[in-house]
């Protein structure tokens, strides 16, 4: 729950639910095809025959999701700051959005 009655607290209360939902869905939709599509085709066996570790596709998909969530975090912080809100609260909102997307 936001603390206070300021404009930033109200903006957080109104926007964060949607931001968290979008960040979470983005992560799911980013990781799932990269990890499941190889199992349905022959690419998984082809990759495992090469000198790579077994978890390499999962690590690559998780790294892509991490990079996407960091990018969303920065975009949220910049957008809220450009909208005239406090920079500290905007950065915190961006970090919280990335945390929801990564969880």
PDB file of N, CA and C in Angstrom:
ATOM      1  N   UNK A   1       0.839  -1.163   0.000  1.00  0.00           N
ATOM      2  CA  UNK A   1       0.000   0.000   0.000  1.00  0.00           C
ATOM      3  C   UNK A   1       0.888   1.231   0.000  1.00  0.00           C
ATOM      4  N   UNK A   2       0.586   2.193  -0.852  1.00  0.00           N
ATOM      5  CA  UNK A   2       1.404   3.400  -0.878  1.00  0.00           C
ATOM      6  C   UNK A   2       1.256   4.193   0.405  1.00  0.00           C
ATOM      7  N   UNK A   3       2.319   4.859   0.748  1.00  0.00           N
ATOM      8  CA  UNK A   3       2.325   5.653   1.971  1.00  0.00           C
ATOM      9  C   UNK A   3       2.160   7.113   1.591  1.00  0.00           C
ATOM     10  N   UNK A   4       1.121   7.727   2.045  1.00  0.00           N
ATOM     11  CA  UNK A   4       0.921   9.137   1.780  1.00  0.00           C
ATOM     12  C   UNK A   4      -0.221   9.375   0.814  1.00  0.00           C
ATOM     13  N   UNK A   5      -0.463  10.661   0.601  1.00  0.00           N
ATOM     14  CA  UNK A   5      -1.553  11.051  -0.282  1.00  0.00           C
ATOM     15  C   UNK A   5      -1.051  11.842  -1.480  1.00  0.00           C
ATOM     16  N   UNK A   6       0.246  11.752  -1.723  1.00  0.00           N
ATOM     17  CA  UNK A   6       0.823  12.524  -2.816  1.00  0.00           C
ATOM     18  C   UNK A   6       0.519  11.946  -4.184  1.00  0.00           C
ATOM     19  N   UNK A   7       0.922  12.686  -5.160  1.00  0.00           N
ATOM     20  CA  UNK A   7       0.694  12.295  -6.545  1.00  0.00           C
ATOM     21  C   UNK A   7       1.440  11.009  -6.909  1.00  0.00           C
ATOM     22  N   UNK A   8       2.668  10.856  -6.403  1.00  0.00           N
ATOM     23  CA  UNK A   8       3.457   9.663  -6.686  1.00  0.00           C
ATOM     24  C   UNK A   8       2.858   8.414  -6.074  1.00  0.00           C
ATOM     25  N   UNK A   9       2.350   8.518  -4.851  1.00  0.00           N
ATOM     26  CA  UNK A   9       1.712   7.372  -4.197  1.00  0.00           C
ATOM     27  C   UNK A   9       0.451   6.963  -4.944  1.00  0.00           C
ATOM     28  N   UNK A  10      -0.308   7.920  -5.394  1.00  0.00           N
ATOM     29  CA  UNK A  10      -1.522   7.618  -6.156  1.00  0.00           C
ATOM     30  C   UNK A  10      -1.175   6.973  -7.488  1.00  0.00           C
ATOM     31  N   UNK A  11      -0.156   7.494  -8.167  1.00  0.00           N
ATOM     32  CA  UNK A  11       0.260   6.924  -9.453  1.00  0.00           C
ATOM     33  C   UNK A  11       0.743   5.484  -9.273  1.00  0.00           C
ATOM     34  N   UNK A  12       1.505   5.239  -8.216  1.00  0.00           N
ATOM     35  CA  UNK A  12       1.966   3.881  -7.946  1.00  0.00           C
ATOM     36  C   UNK A  12       0.787   2.948  -7.709  1.00  0.00           C
ATOM     37  N   UNK A  13      -0.167   3.374  -6.910  1.00  0.00           N
ATOM     38  CA  UNK A  13      -1.321   2.554  -6.570  1.00  0.00           C
ATOM     39  C   UNK A  13      -2.144   2.224  -7.807  1.00  0.00           C
ATOM     40  N   UNK A  14      -2.259   3.155  -8.726  1.00  0.00           N
ATOM     41  CA  UNK A  14      -3.055   2.944  -9.930  1.00  0.00           C
ATOM     42  C   UNK A  14      -2.334   2.108 -10.987  1.00  0.00           C
ATOM     43  N   UNK A  15      -1.030   2.255 -11.104  1.00  0.00           N
ATOM     44  CA  UNK A  15      -0.302   1.694 -12.240  1.00  0.00           C
ATOM     45  C   UNK A  15       0.418   0.393 -11.922  1.00  0.00           C
ATOM     46  N   UNK A  16       0.827   0.178 -10.676  1.00  0.00           N
ATOM     47  CA  UNK A  16       1.729  -0.939 -10.384  1.00  0.00           C
ATOM     48  C   UNK A  16       1.110  -2.311 -10.637  1.00  0.00           C
ATOM     49  N   UNK A  17      -0.171  -2.466 -10.405  1.00  0.00           N
ATOM     50  CA  UNK A  17      -0.809  -3.756 -10.657  1.00  0.00           C
ATOM     51  C   UNK A  17      -0.669  -4.151 -12.120  1.00  0.00           C
ATOM     52  N   UNK A  18      -0.905  -3.230 -13.005  1.00  0.00           N
ATOM     53  CA  UNK A  18      -0.801  -3.510 -14.435  1.00  0.00           C
ATOM     54  C   UNK A  18       0.651  -3.717 -14.855  1.00  0.00           C
ATOM     55  N   UNK A  19       1.546  -2.908 -14.316  1.00  0.00           N
ATOM     56  CA  UNK A  19       2.964  -3.070 -14.642  1.00  0.00           C
ATOM     57  C   UNK A  19       3.484  -4.434 -14.199  1.00  0.00           C
ATOM     58  N   UNK A  20       3.120  -4.847 -13.000  1.00  0.00           N
ATOM     59  CA  UNK A  20       3.547  -6.151 -12.506  1.00  0.00           C
ATOM     60  C   UNK A  20       2.981  -7.287 -13.332  1.00  0.00           C
ATOM     61  N   UNK A  21       1.715  -7.180 -13.709  1.00  0.00           N
ATOM     62  CA  UNK A  21       1.089  -8.203 -14.533  1.00  0.00           C
ATOM     63  C   UNK A  21       1.755  -8.301 -15.899  1.00  0.00           C
ATOM     64  N   UNK A  22       2.014  -7.172 -16.512  1.00  0.00           N
ATOM     65  CA  UNK A  22       2.658  -7.166 -17.824  1.00  0.00           C
ATOM     66  C   UNK A  22       4.087  -7.690 -17.741  1.00  0.00           C
ATOM     67  N   UNK A  23       4.822  -7.319 -16.706  1.00  0.00           N
ATOM     68  CA  UNK A  23       6.200  -7.799 -16.557  1.00  0.00           C
ATOM     69  C   UNK A  23       6.234  -9.311 -16.323  1.00  0.00           C
ATOM     70  N   UNK A  24       5.318  -9.820 -15.521  1.00  0.00           N
ATOM     71  CA  UNK A  24       5.260 -11.257 -15.287  1.00  0.00           C
ATOM     72  C   UNK A  24       4.896 -12.030 -16.541  1.00  0.00           C
ATOM     73  N   UNK A  25       3.897 -11.551 -17.263  1.00  0.00           N
ATOM     74  CA  UNK A  25       3.520 -12.218 -18.512  1.00  0.00           C
ATOM     75  C   UNK A  25       4.627 -12.130 -19.554  1.00  0.00           C
ATOM     76  N   UNK A  26       5.324 -10.999 -19.599  1.00  0.00           N
ATOM     77  CA  UNK A  26       6.432 -10.869 -20.532  1.00  0.00           C
ATOM     78  C   UNK A  26       7.495 -11.927 -20.261  1.00  0.00           C
ATOM     79  N   UNK A  27       7.814 -12.139 -18.993  1.00  0.00           N
ATOM     80  CA  UNK A  27       8.823 -13.135 -18.641  1.00  0.00           C
ATOM     81  C   UNK A  27       8.365 -14.544 -19.000  1.00  0.00           C
ATOM     82  N   UNK A  28       7.112 -14.844 -18.718  1.00  0.00           N
ATOM     83  CA  UNK A  28       6.593 -16.178 -19.045  1.00  0.00           C
ATOM     84  C   UNK A  28       6.597 -16.400 -20.548  1.00  0.00           C
ATOM     85  N   UNK A  29       6.133 -15.414 -21.294  1.00  0.00           N
ATOM     86  CA  UNK A  29       6.080 -15.559 -22.742  1.00  0.00           C
ATOM     87  C   UNK A  29       7.460 -15.524 -23.390  1.00  0.00           C
ATOM     88  N   UNK A  30       8.431 -15.005 -22.697  1.00  0.00           N
ATOM     89  CA  UNK A  30       9.797 -14.990 -23.217  1.00  0.00           C
ATOM     90  C   UNK A  30      10.521 -16.297 -22.935  1.00  0.00           C
ATOM     91  N   UNK A  31      10.352 -16.847 -21.756  1.00  0.00           N
ATOM     92  CA  UNK A  31      11.092 -18.045 -21.358  1.00  0.00           C
ATOM     93  C   UNK A  31      10.463 -19.320 -21.911  1.00  0.00           C
ATOM     94  N   UNK A  32       9.145 -19.413 -21.898  1.00  0.00           N
ATOM     95  CA  UNK A  32       8.477 -20.659 -22.279  1.00  0.00           C
ATOM     96  C   UNK A  32       8.796 -21.119 -23.696  1.00  0.00           C
ATOM     97  N   UNK A  33       8.704 -20.282 -24.708  1.00  0.00           N
ATOM     98  CA  UNK A  33       9.019 -20.790 -26.050  1.00  0.00           C
ATOM     99  C   UNK A  33      10.483 -21.193 -26.216  1.00  0.00           C
ATOM    100  N   UNK A  34      11.370 -20.509 -25.496  1.00  0.00           N
ATOM    101  CA  UNK A  34      12.789 -20.833 -25.640  1.00  0.00           C
ATOM    102  C   UNK A  34      13.159 -22.142 -24.968  1.00  0.00           C
ATOM    103  N   UNK A  35      12.372 -22.561 -23.988  1.00  0.00           N
ATOM    104  CA  UNK A  35      12.700 -23.804 -23.294  1.00  0.00           C
ATOM    105  C   UNK A  35      11.850 -24.970 -23.777  1.00  0.00           C
ATOM    106  N   UNK A  36      10.633 -24.730 -24.234  1.00  0.00           N
ATOM    107  CA  UNK A  36       9.757 -25.819 -24.656  1.00  0.00           C
ATOM    108  C   UNK A  36       9.838 -26.115 -26.143  1.00  0.00           C
ATOM    109  N   UNK A  37      10.134 -25.136 -26.954  1.00  0.00           N
ATOM    110  CA  UNK A  37      10.135 -25.343 -28.396  1.00  0.00           C
ATOM    111  C   UNK A  37      11.230 -26.309 -28.826  1.00  0.00           C
ATOM    112  N   UNK A  38      12.361 -26.289 -28.143  1.00  0.00           N
ATOM    113  CA  UNK A  38      13.445 -27.199 -28.499  1.00  0.00           C
ATOM    114  C   UNK A  38      13.107 -28.646 -28.177  1.00  0.00           C
ATOM    115  N   UNK A  39      12.261 -28.858 -27.176  1.00  0.00           N
ATOM    116  CA  UNK A  39      11.881 -30.220 -26.830  1.00  0.00           C
ATOM    117  C   UNK A  39      10.932 -30.809 -27.860  1.00  0.00           C
ATOM    118  N   UNK A  40      10.109 -29.981 -28.468  1.00  0.00           N
ATOM    119  CA  UNK A  40       9.154 -30.468 -29.450  1.00  0.00           C
ATOM    120  C   UNK A  40       9.801 -30.723 -30.806  1.00  0.00           C
ATOM    121  N   UNK A  41      10.905 -30.103 -31.053  1.00  0.00           N
ATOM    122  CA  UNK A  41      11.637 -30.356 -32.291  1.00  0.00           C
ATOM    123  C   UNK A  41      12.867 -31.182 -31.961  1.00  0.00           C
ATOM    124  N   UNK A  42      13.714 -31.379 -32.919  1.00  0.00           N
ATOM    125  CA  UNK A  42      14.906 -32.205 -32.722  1.00  0.00           C
ATOM    126  C   UNK A  42      16.088 -31.353 -32.257  1.00  0.00           C
ATOM    127  N   UNK A  43      15.884 -30.049 -32.122  1.00  0.00           N
ATOM    128  CA  UNK A  43      17.001 -29.174 -31.766  1.00  0.00           C
ATOM    129  C   UNK A  43      17.584 -29.472 -30.394  1.00  0.00           C
ATOM    130  N   UNK A  44      16.765 -29.960 -29.472  1.00  0.00           N
ATOM    131  CA  UNK A  44      17.274 -30.247 -28.127  1.00  0.00           C
ATOM    132  C   UNK A  44      18.324 -31.349 -28.172  1.00  0.00           C
ATOM    133  N   UNK A  45      18.040 -32.399 -28.918  1.00  0.00           N
ATOM    134  CA  UNK A  45      19.023 -33.477 -29.037  1.00  0.00           C
ATOM    135  C   UNK A  45      20.260 -33.011 -29.790  1.00  0.00           C
ATOM    136  N   UNK A  46      20.061 -32.158 -30.771  1.00  0.00           N
ATOM    137  CA  UNK A  46      21.180 -31.631 -31.533  1.00  0.00           C
ATOM    138  C   UNK A  46      22.067 -30.752 -30.652  1.00  0.00           C
ATOM    139  N   UNK A  47      21.455 -29.939 -29.801  1.00  0.00           N
ATOM    140  CA  UNK A  47      22.236 -29.107 -28.889  1.00  0.00           C
ATOM    141  C   UNK A  47      22.979 -29.946 -27.855  1.00  0.00           C
ATOM    142  N   UNK A  48      22.321 -30.973 -27.354  1.00  0.00           N
ATOM    143  CA  UNK A  48      22.953 -31.802 -26.326  1.00  0.00           C
ATOM    144  C   UNK A  48      24.086 -32.659 -26.886  1.00  0.00           C
ATOM    145  N   UNK A  49      24.109 -32.847 -28.184  1.00  0.00           N
ATOM    146  CA  UNK A  49      25.215 -33.609 -28.767  1.00  0.00           C
ATOM    147  C   UNK A  49      26.475 -32.753 -28.890  1.00  0.00           C
ATOM    148  N   UNK A  50      26.320 -31.444 -28.800  1.00  0.00           N
ATOM    149  CA  UNK A  50      27.461 -30.532 -28.872  1.00  0.00           C
ATOM    150  C   UNK A  50      28.078 -30.389 -27.468  1.00  0.00           C
ATOM    151  N   UNK A  51      29.271 -29.844 -27.397  1.00  0.00           N
ATOM    152  CA  UNK A  51      29.914 -29.704 -26.080  1.00  0.00           C
ATOM    153  C   UNK A  51      29.377 -28.498 -25.291  1.00  0.00           C
ATOM    154  N   UNK A  52      28.083 -28.501 -25.006  1.00  0.00           N
ATOM    155  CA  UNK A  52      27.472 -27.477 -24.163  1.00  0.00           C
ATOM    156  C   UNK A  52      26.843 -28.164 -22.962  1.00  0.00           C
ATOM    157  N   UNK A  53      26.624 -27.405 -21.934  1.00  0.00           N
ATOM    158  CA  UNK A  53      26.028 -27.984 -20.735  1.00  0.00           C
ATOM    159  C   UNK A  53      24.541 -28.237 -20.942  1.00  0.00           C
ATOM    160  N   UNK A  54      24.004 -29.099 -20.122  1.00  0.00           N
ATOM    161  CA  UNK A  54      22.606 -29.492 -20.238  1.00  0.00           C
ATOM    162  C   UNK A  54      21.667 -28.318 -19.979  1.00  0.00           C
ATOM    163  N   UNK A  55      22.038 -27.439 -19.098  1.00  0.00           N
ATOM    164  CA  UNK A  55      21.173 -26.317 -18.717  1.00  0.00           C
ATOM    165  C   UNK A  55      21.402 -25.053 -19.565  1.00  0.00           C
ATOM    166  N   UNK A  56      22.192 -25.127 -20.597  1.00  0.00           N
ATOM    167  CA  UNK A  56      22.501 -23.931 -21.390  1.00  0.00           C
ATOM    168  C   UNK A  56      21.271 -23.257 -21.981  1.00  0.00           C
ATOM    169  N   UNK A  57      20.294 -23.977 -22.553  1.00  0.00           N
ATOM    170  CA  UNK A  57      19.106 -23.274 -23.065  1.00  0.00           C
ATOM    171  C   UNK A  57      18.314 -22.554 -21.969  1.00  0.00           C
ATOM    172  N   UNK A  58      18.231 -23.159 -20.797  1.00  0.00           N
ATOM    173  CA  UNK A  58      17.505 -22.531 -19.690  1.00  0.00           C
ATOM    174  C   UNK A  58      18.245 -21.286 -19.210  1.00  0.00           C
ATOM    175  N   UNK A  59      19.554 -21.378 -19.116  1.00  0.00           N
ATOM    176  CA  UNK A  59      20.352 -20.227 -18.683  1.00  0.00           C
ATOM    177  C   UNK A  59      20.245 -19.095 -19.702  1.00  0.00           C
ATOM    178  N   UNK A  60      20.259 -19.420 -20.975  1.00  0.00           N
ATOM    179  CA  UNK A  60      20.130 -18.393 -22.011  1.00  0.00           C
ATOM    180  C   UNK A  60      18.760 -17.722 -21.954  1.00  0.00           C
ATOM    181  N   UNK A  61      17.708 -18.501 -21.757  1.00  0.00           N
ATOM    182  CA  UNK A  61      16.364 -17.923 -21.668  1.00  0.00           C
ATOM    183  C   UNK A  61      16.220 -17.072 -20.411  1.00  0.00           C
ATOM    184  N   UNK A  62      16.780 -17.526 -19.292  1.00  0.00           N
ATOM    185  CA  UNK A  62      16.711 -16.743 -18.056  1.00  0.00           C
ATOM    186  C   UNK A  62      17.512 -15.454 -18.172  1.00  0.00           C
ATOM    187  N   UNK A  63      18.624 -15.498 -18.865  1.00  0.00           N
ATOM    188  CA  UNK A  63      19.424 -14.292 -19.079  1.00  0.00           C
ATOM    189  C   UNK A  63      18.677 -13.295 -19.958  1.00  0.00           C
ATOM    190  N   UNK A  64      17.989 -13.788 -20.973  1.00  0.00           N
ATOM    191  CA  UNK A  64      17.185 -12.906 -21.826  1.00  0.00           C
ATOM    192  C   UNK A  64      16.042 -12.280 -21.030  1.00  0.00           C
ATOM    193  N   UNK A  65      15.412 -13.060 -20.154  1.00  0.00           N
ATOM    194  CA  UNK A  65      14.337 -12.519 -19.322  1.00  0.00           C
ATOM    195  C   UNK A  65      14.872 -11.484 -18.343  1.00  0.00           C
ATOM    196  N   UNK A  66      16.049 -11.740 -17.781  1.00  0.00           N
ATOM    197  CA  UNK A  66      16.671 -10.775 -16.874  1.00  0.00           C
ATOM    198  C   UNK A  66      16.953  -9.465 -17.599  1.00  0.00           C
ATOM    199  N   UNK A  67      17.516  -9.548 -18.796  1.00  0.00           N
ATOM    200  CA  UNK A  67      17.809  -8.343 -19.571  1.00  0.00           C
ATOM    201  C   UNK A  67      16.535  -7.585 -19.929  1.00  0.00           C
ATOM    202  N   UNK A  68      15.484  -8.311 -20.286  1.00  0.00           N
ATOM    203  CA  UNK A  68      14.217  -7.661 -20.624  1.00  0.00           C
ATOM    204  C   UNK A  68      13.609  -6.972 -19.405  1.00  0.00           C
ATOM    205  N   UNK A  69      13.691  -7.611 -18.239  1.00  0.00           N
ATOM    206  CA  UNK A  69      13.138  -7.000 -17.037  1.00  0.00           C
ATOM    207  C   UNK A  69      13.939  -5.792 -16.581  1.00  0.00           C
ATOM    208  N   UNK A  70      15.244  -5.812 -16.766  1.00  0.00           N
ATOM    209  CA  UNK A  70      16.063  -4.638 -16.453  1.00  0.00           C
ATOM    210  C   UNK A  70      15.696  -3.490 -17.395  1.00  0.00           C
ATOM    211  N   UNK A  71      15.484  -3.814 -18.675  1.00  0.00           N
ATOM    212  CA  UNK A  71      15.081  -2.783 -19.636  1.00  0.00           C
ATOM    213  C   UNK A  71      13.720  -2.195 -19.268  1.00  0.00           C
ATOM    214  N   UNK A  72      12.781  -3.037 -18.857  1.00  0.00           N
ATOM    215  CA  UNK A  72      11.464  -2.544 -18.434  1.00  0.00           C
ATOM    216  C   UNK A  72      11.603  -1.677 -17.191  1.00  0.00           C
ATOM    217  N   UNK A  73      12.464  -2.075 -16.269  1.00  0.00           N
ATOM    218  CA  UNK A  73      12.684  -1.304 -15.057  1.00  0.00           C
ATOM    219  C   UNK A  73      13.182   0.096 -15.385  1.00  0.00           C
ATOM    220  N   UNK A  74      14.141   0.175 -16.268  1.00  0.00           N
ATOM    221  CA  UNK A  74      14.686   1.476 -16.658  1.00  0.00           C
ATOM    222  C   UNK A  74      13.629   2.308 -17.385  1.00  0.00           C
ATOM    223  N   UNK A  75      12.866   1.687 -18.278  1.00  0.00           N
ATOM    224  CA  UNK A  75      11.827   2.414 -19.007  1.00  0.00           C
ATOM    225  C   UNK A  75      10.743   2.943 -18.072  1.00  0.00           C
ATOM    226  N   UNK A  76      10.344   2.145 -17.103  1.00  0.00           N
ATOM    227  CA  UNK A  76       9.332   2.598 -16.146  1.00  0.00           C
ATOM    228  C   UNK A  76       9.865   3.772 -15.336  1.00  0.00           C
ATOM    229  N   UNK A  77      11.095   3.664 -14.855  1.00  0.00           N
ATOM    230  CA  UNK A  77      11.673   4.743 -14.060  1.00  0.00           C
ATOM    231  C   UNK A  77      11.807   6.024 -14.874  1.00  0.00           C
ATOM    232  N   UNK A  78      12.254   5.920 -16.094  1.00  0.00           N
ATOM    233  CA  UNK A  78      12.406   7.106 -16.950  1.00  0.00           C
ATOM    234  C   UNK A  78      11.044   7.717 -17.282  1.00  0.00           C
ATOM    235  N   UNK A  79      10.057   6.854 -17.587  1.00  0.00           N
ATOM    236  CA  UNK A  79       8.735   7.366 -17.946  1.00  0.00           C
ATOM    237  C   UNK A  79       8.073   8.079 -16.772  1.00  0.00           C
ATOM    238  N   UNK A  80       8.187   7.506 -15.584  1.00  0.00           N
ATOM    239  CA  UNK A  80       7.570   8.155 -14.429  1.00  0.00           C
ATOM    240  C   UNK A  80       8.292   9.443 -14.054  1.00  0.00           C
ATOM    241  N   UNK A  81       9.618   9.443 -14.187  1.00  0.00           N
ATOM    242  CA  UNK A  81      10.372  10.671 -13.913  1.00  0.00           C
ATOM    243  C   UNK A  81      10.037  11.745 -14.947  1.00  0.00           C
ATOM    244  N   UNK A  82       9.924  11.341 -16.210  1.00  0.00           N
ATOM    245  CA  UNK A  82       9.560  12.299 -17.261  1.00  0.00           C
ATOM    246  C   UNK A  82       8.144  12.824 -17.062  1.00  0.00           C
ATOM    247  N   UNK A  83       7.303  12.044 -16.402  1.00  0.00           N
ATOM    248  CA  UNK A  83       5.944  12.486 -16.109  1.00  0.00           C
ATOM    249  C   UNK A  83       5.854  13.453 -14.946  1.00  0.00           C
ATOM    250  N   UNK A  84       6.988  13.749 -14.326  1.00  0.00           N
ATOM    251  CA  UNK A  84       7.009  14.740 -13.266  1.00  0.00           C
ATOM    252  C   UNK A  84       6.989  14.173 -11.860  1.00  0.00           C
ATOM    253  N   UNK A  85       7.165  12.875 -11.714  1.00  0.00           N
ATOM    254  CA  UNK A  85       7.163  12.272 -10.384  1.00  0.00           C
ATOM    255  C   UNK A  85       8.573  12.246  -9.816  1.00  0.00           C
ATOM    256  N   UNK A  86       8.678  11.978  -8.525  1.00  0.00           N
ATOM    257  CA  UNK A  86       9.945  11.937  -7.817  1.00  0.00           C
ATOM    258  C   UNK A  86      10.855  10.861  -8.406  1.00  0.00           C
ATOM    259  N   UNK A  87      12.138  11.172  -8.590  1.00  0.00           N
ATOM    260  CA  UNK A  87      13.074  10.230  -9.205  1.00  0.00           C
ATOM    261  C   UNK A  87      13.309   9.006  -8.328  1.00  0.00           C
ATOM    262  N   UNK A  88      13.371   9.183  -7.010  1.00  0.00           N
ATOM    263  CA  UNK A  88      13.577   8.050  -6.108  1.00  0.00           C
ATOM    264  C   UNK A  88      12.412   7.073  -6.135  1.00  0.00           C
ATOM    265  N   UNK A  89      11.206   7.605  -6.080  1.00  0.00           N
ATOM    266  CA  UNK A  89      10.015   6.761  -6.149  1.00  0.00           C
ATOM    267  C   UNK A  89       9.860   6.101  -7.501  1.00  0.00           C
ATOM    268  N   UNK A  90      10.250   6.819  -8.551  1.00  0.00           N
ATOM    269  CA  UNK A  90      10.186   6.242  -9.893  1.00  0.00           C
ATOM    270  C   UNK A  90      11.164   5.089 -10.045  1.00  0.00           C
ATOM    271  N   UNK A  91      12.372   5.246  -9.495  1.00  0.00           N
ATOM    272  CA  UNK A  91      13.359   4.170  -9.546  1.00  0.00           C
ATOM    273  C   UNK A  91      12.890   2.972  -8.726  1.00  0.00           C
ATOM    274  N   UNK A  92      12.284   3.236  -7.588  1.00  0.00           N
ATOM    275  CA  UNK A  92      11.761   2.155  -6.762  1.00  0.00           C
ATOM    276  C   UNK A  92      10.623   1.411  -7.459  1.00  0.00           C
ATOM    277  N   UNK A  93       9.760   2.132  -8.151  1.00  0.00           N
ATOM    278  CA  UNK A  93       8.691   1.500  -8.903  1.00  0.00           C
ATOM    279  C   UNK A  93       9.240   0.652 -10.040  1.00  0.00           C
ATOM    280  N   UNK A  94      10.273   1.152 -10.723  1.00  0.00           N
ATOM    281  CA  UNK A  94      10.907   0.367 -11.770  1.00  0.00           C
ATOM    282  C   UNK A  94      11.565  -0.885 -11.234  1.00  0.00           C
ATOM    283  N   UNK A  95      12.227  -0.768 -10.092  1.00  0.00           N
ATOM    284  CA  UNK A  95      12.863  -1.947  -9.481  1.00  0.00           C
ATOM    285  C   UNK A  95      11.823  -2.958  -9.020  1.00  0.00           C
ATOM    286  N   UNK A  96      10.715  -2.485  -8.481  1.00  0.00           N
ATOM    287  CA  UNK A  96       9.649  -3.391  -8.052  1.00  0.00           C
ATOM    288  C   UNK A  96       9.016  -4.101  -9.245  1.00  0.00           C
ATOM    289  N   UNK A  97       8.877  -3.389 -10.349  1.00  0.00           N
ATOM    290  CA  UNK A  97       8.336  -4.009 -11.556  1.00  0.00           C
ATOM    291  C   UNK A  97       9.267  -5.115 -12.046  1.00  0.00           C
ATOM    292  N   UNK A  98      10.564  -4.864 -12.041  1.00  0.00           N
ATOM    293  CA  UNK A  98      11.519  -5.887 -12.458  1.00  0.00           C
ATOM    294  C   UNK A  98      11.505  -7.070 -11.494  1.00  0.00           C
ATOM    295  N   UNK A  99      11.352  -6.810 -10.213  1.00  0.00           N
ATOM    296  CA  UNK A  99      11.313  -7.890  -9.234  1.00  0.00           C
ATOM    297  C   UNK A  99      10.086  -8.778  -9.438  1.00  0.00           C
ATOM    298  N   UNK A 100       8.959  -8.192  -9.743  1.00  0.00           N
ATOM    299  CA  UNK A 100       7.759  -8.983 -10.013  1.00  0.00           C
ATOM    300  C   UNK A 100       7.949  -9.791 -11.292  1.00  0.00           C
ATOM    301  N   UNK A 101       8.551  -9.197 -12.293  1.00  0.00           N
ATOM    302  CA  UNK A 101       8.791  -9.918 -13.547  1.00  0.00           C
ATOM    303  C   UNK A 101       9.750 -11.073 -13.387  1.00  0.00           C
ATOM    304  N   UNK A 102      10.698 -10.958 -12.478  1.00  0.00           N
ATOM    305  CA  UNK A 102      11.676 -12.029 -12.281  1.00  0.00           C
ATOM    306  C   UNK A 102      11.196 -13.106 -11.325  1.00  0.00           C
ATOM    307  N   UNK A 103      10.163 -12.823 -10.558  1.00  0.00           N
ATOM    308  CA  UNK A 103       9.721 -13.826  -9.581  1.00  0.00           C
ATOM    309  C   UNK A 103       8.806 -14.873 -10.139  1.00  0.00           C
TER     310      UNK A 103
END
